[in-house]
Amino acid sequence: MNIRPKQFMNSTAVLFLPFLLLIVIWDVSITYGRGPDSKVNHSYIATNREADRFKILSVLENRVRDRKLIEKAKEKLLTLSAKKTHLIAALSERITNAEETAGTDIAFLLTIALIVLP
């Protein structure tokens, strides 16, 4: 059985991407989960959502050169929940703060998947 390294990496990435997505969503839902009696400051959330959108769009503008796609992503970001927007912003921050590695590429793919998928 002769497996090429590139073929192995592609199949590994395809298998691990859904697994990583589940881990990230599960981890953030536990970390940012709120109880039913927690008080929420809505103006703070609105301000944070704008900051989160700015982080996401800055990463997209650096990585994606197609203006139409960026405009569509902007429209989609307005429809996402605060929780999902914050998750994508956390991934975007990781992309911004890290070097060009496989981890940043995976974080970018997760970001795109979370924006595109309903």
Protein backbone atom coordinates (compact mmCIF):
# COMPACT_ATOMS: atom_id res chain seq x y z
CA MET A 1 0.00 0.00 0.00
CA ASN A 2 1.73 3.13 -1.22
CA ILE A 3 0.24 6.41 0.06
CA ARG A 4 1.69 9.71 -1.06
CA PRO A 5 2.29 12.32 1.66
CA LYS A 6 0.14 14.95 -0.09
CA GLN A 7 -2.75 12.52 -0.49
CA PHE A 8 -2.42 11.51 3.16
CA MET A 9 -2.47 15.16 4.31
CA ASN A 10 -5.56 15.94 2.22
CA SER A 11 -7.50 12.96 3.56
CA THR A 12 -6.38 13.73 7.12
CA ALA A 13 -7.49 17.36 6.81
CA VAL A 14 -10.91 16.31 5.48
CA LEU A 15 -11.39 13.90 8.38
CA PHE A 16 -10.20 16.27 11.10
CA LEU A 17 -12.01 19.44 9.96
CA PRO A 18 -15.49 18.37 11.18
CA PHE A 19 -13.97 17.04 14.38
CA LEU A 20 -12.16 20.33 15.05
CA LEU A 21 -15.30 22.30 14.28
CA LEU A 22 -17.26 20.30 16.85
CA ILE A 23 -14.55 20.79 19.47
CA VAL A 24 -14.41 24.54 18.91
CA ILE A 25 -18.19 24.95 19.03
CA TRP A 26 -18.48 22.76 22.11
CA ASP A 27 -15.66 24.57 23.91
CA VAL A 28 -17.07 28.03 23.19
CA SER A 29 -20.59 27.01 24.16
CA ILE A 30 -19.33 25.84 27.55
CA THR A 31 -17.10 28.87 28.06
CA TYR A 32 -19.65 31.49 27.07
CA GLY A 33 -22.79 29.68 28.17
CA ARG A 34 -25.13 31.68 30.35
CA GLY A 35 -27.60 30.56 32.94
CA PRO A 36 -31.28 31.47 32.68
CA ASP A 37 -31.01 34.10 35.40
CA SER A 38 -27.93 35.92 34.10
CA LYS A 39 -28.27 39.63 33.37
CA VAL A 40 -27.24 40.77 29.92
CA ASN A 41 -26.06 44.27 29.05
CA HIS A 42 -27.45 44.71 25.53
CA SER A 43 -25.44 47.81 24.66
CA TYR A 44 -22.24 45.96 25.57
CA ILE A 45 -23.27 43.04 23.36
CA ALA A 46 -24.07 45.37 20.45
CA THR A 47 -20.68 47.06 20.77
CA ASN A 48 -18.91 43.72 20.97
CA ARG A 49 -20.75 42.42 17.91
CA GLU A 50 -19.53 45.40 15.92
CA ALA A 51 -15.96 44.81 17.12
CA ASP A 52 -16.30 41.12 16.30
CA ARG A 53 -17.56 41.91 12.78
CA PHE A 54 -14.64 44.29 12.28
CA LYS A 55 -12.14 41.55 13.28
CA ILE A 56 -13.76 39.05 10.95
CA LEU A 57 -13.93 41.43 8.00
CA SER A 58 -10.32 42.53 8.42
CA VAL A 59 -9.16 38.91 8.21
CA LEU A 60 -11.38 38.26 5.20
CA GLU A 61 -10.09 41.35 3.42
CA ASN A 62 -6.51 40.23 3.99
CA ARG A 63 -7.09 36.68 2.80
CA VAL A 64 -9.85 37.03 0.17
CA ARG A 65 -9.31 39.34 -2.78
CA ASP A 66 -12.79 39.13 -4.32
CA ARG A 67 -14.88 42.17 -3.28
CA LYS A 68 -18.17 40.42 -4.12
CA LEU A 69 -17.42 37.61 -1.71
CA ILE A 70 -16.51 40.07 1.03
CA GLU A 71 -19.77 41.96 0.50
CA LYS A 72 -21.74 38.71 0.70
CA ALA A 73 -19.87 37.78 3.88
CA LYS A 74 -20.73 41.22 5.33
CA GLU A 75 -24.42 40.61 4.65
CA LYS A 76 -24.25 37.13 6.15
CA LEU A 77 -22.47 38.39 9.29
CA LEU A 78 -25.42 40.67 9.99
CA THR A 79 -27.73 37.65 10.14
CA LEU A 80 -25.60 35.52 12.47
CA SER A 81 -26.25 35.21 16.19
CA ALA A 82 -24.00 36.98 18.68
CA LYS A 83 -22.64 33.64 19.85
CA LYS A 84 -21.67 32.49 16.37
CA THR A 85 -20.24 35.91 15.50
CA HIS A 86 -18.09 35.82 18.63
CA LEU A 87 -16.85 32.33 17.78
CA ILE A 88 -15.84 33.43 14.28
CA ALA A 89 -14.17 36.54 15.72
CA ALA A 90 -12.14 34.38 18.12
CA LEU A 91 -10.94 32.29 15.19
CA SER A 92 -10.16 35.47 13.25
CA GLU A 93 -8.13 36.81 16.15
CA ARG A 94 -6.14 33.58 16.18
CA ILE A 95 -5.46 34.00 12.46
CA THR A 96 -4.31 37.59 12.96
CA ASN A 97 -2.01 36.85 15.91
CA ALA A 98 -0.36 33.72 14.50
CA GLU A 99 2.17 33.07 11.80
CA GLU A 100 1.31 31.37 8.52
CA THR A 101 0.96 27.78 9.73
CA ALA A 102 -1.36 24.86 9.19
CA GLY A 103 -3.22 25.95 12.33
CA THR A 104 -4.02 29.36 10.89
CA ASP A 105 -5.14 27.73 7.64
CA ILE A 106 -7.47 25.43 9.58
CA ALA A 107 -8.79 28.38 11.62
CA PHE A 108 -9.46 30.23 8.35
CA LEU A 109 -11.29 27.22 6.89
CA LEU A 110 -13.40 26.98 10.05
CA THR A 111 -14.15 30.69 9.80
CA ILE A 112 -15.33 30.32 6.22
CA ALA A 113 -17.37 27.21 7.08
CA LEU A 114 -19.12 28.99 9.96
CA ILE A 115 -19.97 31.96 7.74
CA VAL A 116 -21.17 29.89 4.78
CA LEU A 117 -23.08 27.15 6.58
CA PRO A 118 -26.51 28.04 7.98
